[in-house]
Amino acid sequence: MIEWLKPGAFLGSIVFALIGVVIFWLCFIIIDKITPYDLWEEIVEKQNVALGLVVAAMCLGISMIVAAAIHG
């Protein structure tokens, strides 16, 4: 039988995915609070491409840390 079709493995994957998303959003909110300006306003309303790239890199970094923590 395929391993990921087992209910325990499937439920575990869902739980870890939800934990990863929650941790990611908490990190994003913390970084948004410690920056001197509103990230959402700067990126969406003012179209600040440079800040968008920095936030994208930050998002990838946080995602890799969360994935490594959950996997290992």
N, C-alpha and C. Protein backbone atom coordinates (compact mmCIF):
# COMPACT_ATOMS: atom_id res chain seq x y z
N MET A 1 0.84 -1.19 0.00
CA MET A 1 0.00 0.00 0.00
C MET A 1 0.88 1.25 0.00
N ILE A 2 0.40 2.29 -0.61
CA ILE A 2 1.14 3.55 -0.67
C ILE A 2 1.18 4.16 0.73
N GLU A 3 2.38 4.53 1.15
CA GLU A 3 2.61 5.01 2.52
C GLU A 3 1.80 6.25 2.87
N TRP A 4 1.70 7.23 1.95
CA TRP A 4 1.05 8.50 2.30
C TRP A 4 -0.47 8.40 2.32
N LEU A 5 -1.03 7.26 1.88
CA LEU A 5 -2.48 7.09 1.94
C LEU A 5 -2.96 6.59 3.30
N LYS A 6 -2.04 6.19 4.15
CA LYS A 6 -2.44 5.74 5.48
C LYS A 6 -2.99 6.93 6.26
N PRO A 7 -4.07 6.75 7.01
CA PRO A 7 -4.69 7.88 7.73
C PRO A 7 -3.74 8.59 8.69
N GLY A 8 -2.90 7.85 9.37
CA GLY A 8 -1.97 8.47 10.32
C GLY A 8 -0.96 9.37 9.62
N ALA A 9 -0.40 8.90 8.52
CA ALA A 9 0.57 9.68 7.77
C ALA A 9 -0.09 10.91 7.14
N PHE A 10 -1.29 10.75 6.62
CA PHE A 10 -2.01 11.86 6.00
C PHE A 10 -2.37 12.92 7.04
N LEU A 11 -2.88 12.49 8.18
CA LEU A 11 -3.24 13.44 9.25
C LEU A 11 -2.00 14.13 9.79
N GLY A 12 -0.93 13.39 9.95
CA GLY A 12 0.33 13.99 10.42
C GLY A 12 0.84 15.05 9.45
N SER A 13 0.73 14.77 8.15
CA SER A 13 1.16 15.75 7.15
C SER A 13 0.33 17.02 7.23
N ILE A 14 -0.97 16.86 7.41
CA ILE A 14 -1.86 18.03 7.52
C ILE A 14 -1.52 18.84 8.77
N VAL A 15 -1.30 18.17 9.88
CA VAL A 15 -0.99 18.86 11.13
C VAL A 15 0.34 19.62 11.01
N PHE A 16 1.36 18.97 10.46
CA PHE A 16 2.65 19.63 10.30
C PHE A 16 2.57 20.80 9.33
N ALA A 17 1.76 20.66 8.28
CA ALA A 17 1.59 21.77 7.33
C ALA A 17 0.93 22.96 8.02
N LEU A 18 -0.08 22.70 8.83
CA LEU A 18 -0.75 23.79 9.55
C LEU A 18 0.18 24.45 10.56
N ILE A 19 0.97 23.65 11.25
CA ILE A 19 1.94 24.20 12.20
C ILE A 19 2.96 25.06 11.46
N GLY A 20 3.43 24.59 10.31
CA GLY A 20 4.39 25.35 9.52
C GLY A 20 3.82 26.68 9.05
N VAL A 21 2.56 26.68 8.60
CA VAL A 21 1.93 27.92 8.14
C VAL A 21 1.75 28.90 9.29
N VAL A 22 1.34 28.40 10.45
CA VAL A 22 1.17 29.27 11.62
C VAL A 22 2.50 29.89 12.04
N ILE A 23 3.54 29.08 12.09
CA ILE A 23 4.87 29.60 12.47
C ILE A 23 5.35 30.62 11.44
N PHE A 24 5.11 30.34 10.16
CA PHE A 24 5.51 31.28 9.12
C PHE A 24 4.81 32.62 9.29
N TRP A 25 3.50 32.61 9.50
CA TRP A 25 2.76 33.87 9.66
C TRP A 25 3.17 34.62 10.92
N LEU A 26 3.44 33.89 11.99
CA LEU A 26 3.91 34.56 13.21
C LEU A 26 5.25 35.25 12.97
N CYS A 27 6.15 34.58 12.26
CA CYS A 27 7.44 35.20 11.94
C CYS A 27 7.26 36.42 11.05
N PHE A 28 6.37 36.33 10.08
CA PHE A 28 6.11 37.46 9.20
C PHE A 28 5.54 38.65 9.98
N ILE A 29 4.62 38.40 10.90
CA ILE A 29 4.04 39.47 11.71
C ILE A 29 5.10 40.11 12.59
N ILE A 30 5.97 39.29 13.17
CA ILE A 30 7.04 39.84 14.02
C ILE A 30 7.98 40.72 13.19
N ILE A 31 8.35 40.25 12.01
CA ILE A 31 9.24 41.05 11.16
C ILE A 31 8.53 42.33 10.70
N ASP A 32 7.24 42.23 10.42
CA ASP A 32 6.47 43.42 10.04
C ASP A 32 6.44 44.44 11.17
N LYS A 33 6.35 43.97 12.41
CA LYS A 33 6.29 44.87 13.57
C LYS A 33 7.65 45.52 13.86
N ILE A 34 8.75 44.83 13.58
CA ILE A 34 10.05 45.41 13.94
C ILE A 34 10.62 46.30 12.83
N THR A 35 10.00 46.28 11.65
CA THR A 35 10.46 47.20 10.60
C THR A 35 9.84 48.57 10.85
N PRO A 36 10.52 49.63 10.41
CA PRO A 36 10.04 50.98 10.70
C PRO A 36 8.84 51.43 9.86
N TYR A 37 8.36 50.60 8.93
CA TYR A 37 7.24 50.98 8.08
C TYR A 37 6.34 49.78 7.90
N ASP A 38 5.14 50.01 7.36
CA ASP A 38 4.17 48.96 7.13
C ASP A 38 4.53 48.23 5.83
N LEU A 39 4.90 46.96 5.94
CA LEU A 39 5.33 46.21 4.77
C LEU A 39 4.23 46.11 3.72
N TRP A 40 3.02 45.81 4.15
CA TRP A 40 1.92 45.63 3.20
C TRP A 40 1.66 46.91 2.41
N GLU A 41 1.63 48.04 3.09
CA GLU A 41 1.40 49.31 2.41
C GLU A 41 2.52 49.63 1.43
N GLU A 42 3.75 49.41 1.84
CA GLU A 42 4.89 49.70 0.97
C GLU A 42 4.89 48.82 -0.28
N ILE A 43 4.57 47.55 -0.12
CA ILE A 43 4.64 46.63 -1.26
C ILE A 43 3.41 46.75 -2.16
N VAL A 44 2.23 46.77 -1.58
CA VAL A 44 1.00 46.73 -2.38
C VAL A 44 0.60 48.11 -2.88
N GLU A 45 0.56 49.09 -2.00
CA GLU A 45 0.06 50.40 -2.39
C GLU A 45 1.12 51.26 -3.09
N LYS A 46 2.35 51.23 -2.59
CA LYS A 46 3.40 52.06 -3.16
C LYS A 46 4.24 51.34 -4.21
N GLN A 47 3.95 50.05 -4.43
CA GLN A 47 4.63 49.24 -5.45
C GLN A 47 6.15 49.25 -5.28
N ASN A 48 6.63 49.09 -4.06
CA ASN A 48 8.06 49.08 -3.77
C ASN A 48 8.63 47.69 -4.12
N VAL A 49 9.19 47.59 -5.32
CA VAL A 49 9.68 46.30 -5.83
C VAL A 49 10.88 45.80 -5.03
N ALA A 50 11.78 46.70 -4.65
CA ALA A 50 12.96 46.30 -3.89
C ALA A 50 12.56 45.68 -2.55
N LEU A 51 11.62 46.30 -1.87
CA LEU A 51 11.15 45.76 -0.60
C LEU A 51 10.42 44.44 -0.82
N GLY A 52 9.71 44.34 -1.93
CA GLY A 52 9.03 43.08 -2.26
C GLY A 52 10.01 41.93 -2.42
N LEU A 53 11.14 42.21 -3.05
CA LEU A 53 12.17 41.17 -3.21
C LEU A 53 12.79 40.79 -1.87
N VAL A 54 13.01 41.78 -1.01
CA VAL A 54 13.56 41.49 0.32
C VAL A 54 12.58 40.63 1.13
N VAL A 55 11.30 40.98 1.08
CA VAL A 55 10.29 40.21 1.81
C VAL A 55 10.15 38.81 1.22
N ALA A 56 10.26 38.68 -0.10
CA ALA A 56 10.20 37.36 -0.72
C ALA A 56 11.37 36.49 -0.27
N ALA A 57 12.56 37.06 -0.20
CA ALA A 57 13.72 36.32 0.28
C ALA A 57 13.54 35.93 1.74
N MET A 58 12.98 36.84 2.54
CA MET A 58 12.72 36.54 3.94
C MET A 58 11.71 35.40 4.06
N CYS A 59 10.69 35.42 3.23
CA CYS A 59 9.68 34.36 3.25
C CYS A 59 10.29 33.01 2.90
N LEU A 60 11.14 32.98 1.89
CA LEU A 60 11.81 31.73 1.53
C LEU A 60 12.71 31.23 2.66
N GLY A 61 13.42 32.14 3.29
CA GLY A 61 14.29 31.76 4.40
C GLY A 61 13.51 31.18 5.57
N ILE A 62 12.44 31.85 5.95
CA ILE A 62 11.60 31.35 7.06
C ILE A 62 11.00 30.00 6.68
N SER A 63 10.55 29.87 5.45
CA SER A 63 9.95 28.60 5.00
C SER A 63 10.94 27.45 5.05
N MET A 64 12.18 27.72 4.64
CA MET A 64 13.22 26.69 4.69
C MET A 64 13.54 26.29 6.13
N ILE A 65 13.58 27.25 7.03
CA ILE A 65 13.84 26.96 8.45
C ILE A 65 12.71 26.12 9.03
N VAL A 66 11.46 26.50 8.75
CA VAL A 66 10.32 25.76 9.28
C VAL A 66 10.30 24.34 8.70
N ALA A 67 10.56 24.21 7.40
CA ALA A 67 10.57 22.89 6.78
C ALA A 67 11.66 22.00 7.36
N ALA A 68 12.83 22.58 7.59
CA ALA A 68 13.93 21.80 8.17
C ALA A 68 13.61 21.39 9.61
N ALA A 69 12.97 22.27 10.34
CA ALA A 69 12.61 21.95 11.72
C ALA A 69 11.56 20.85 11.79
N ILE A 70 10.61 20.88 10.88
CA ILE A 70 9.55 19.86 10.86
C ILE A 70 10.10 18.53 10.33
N HIS A 71 10.94 18.59 9.34
CA HIS A 71 11.47 17.37 8.72
C HIS A 71 12.46 16.65 9.62
N GLY A 72 13.30 17.43 10.27
CA GLY A 72 14.39 16.81 11.03
C GLY A 72 14.13 16.80 12.46
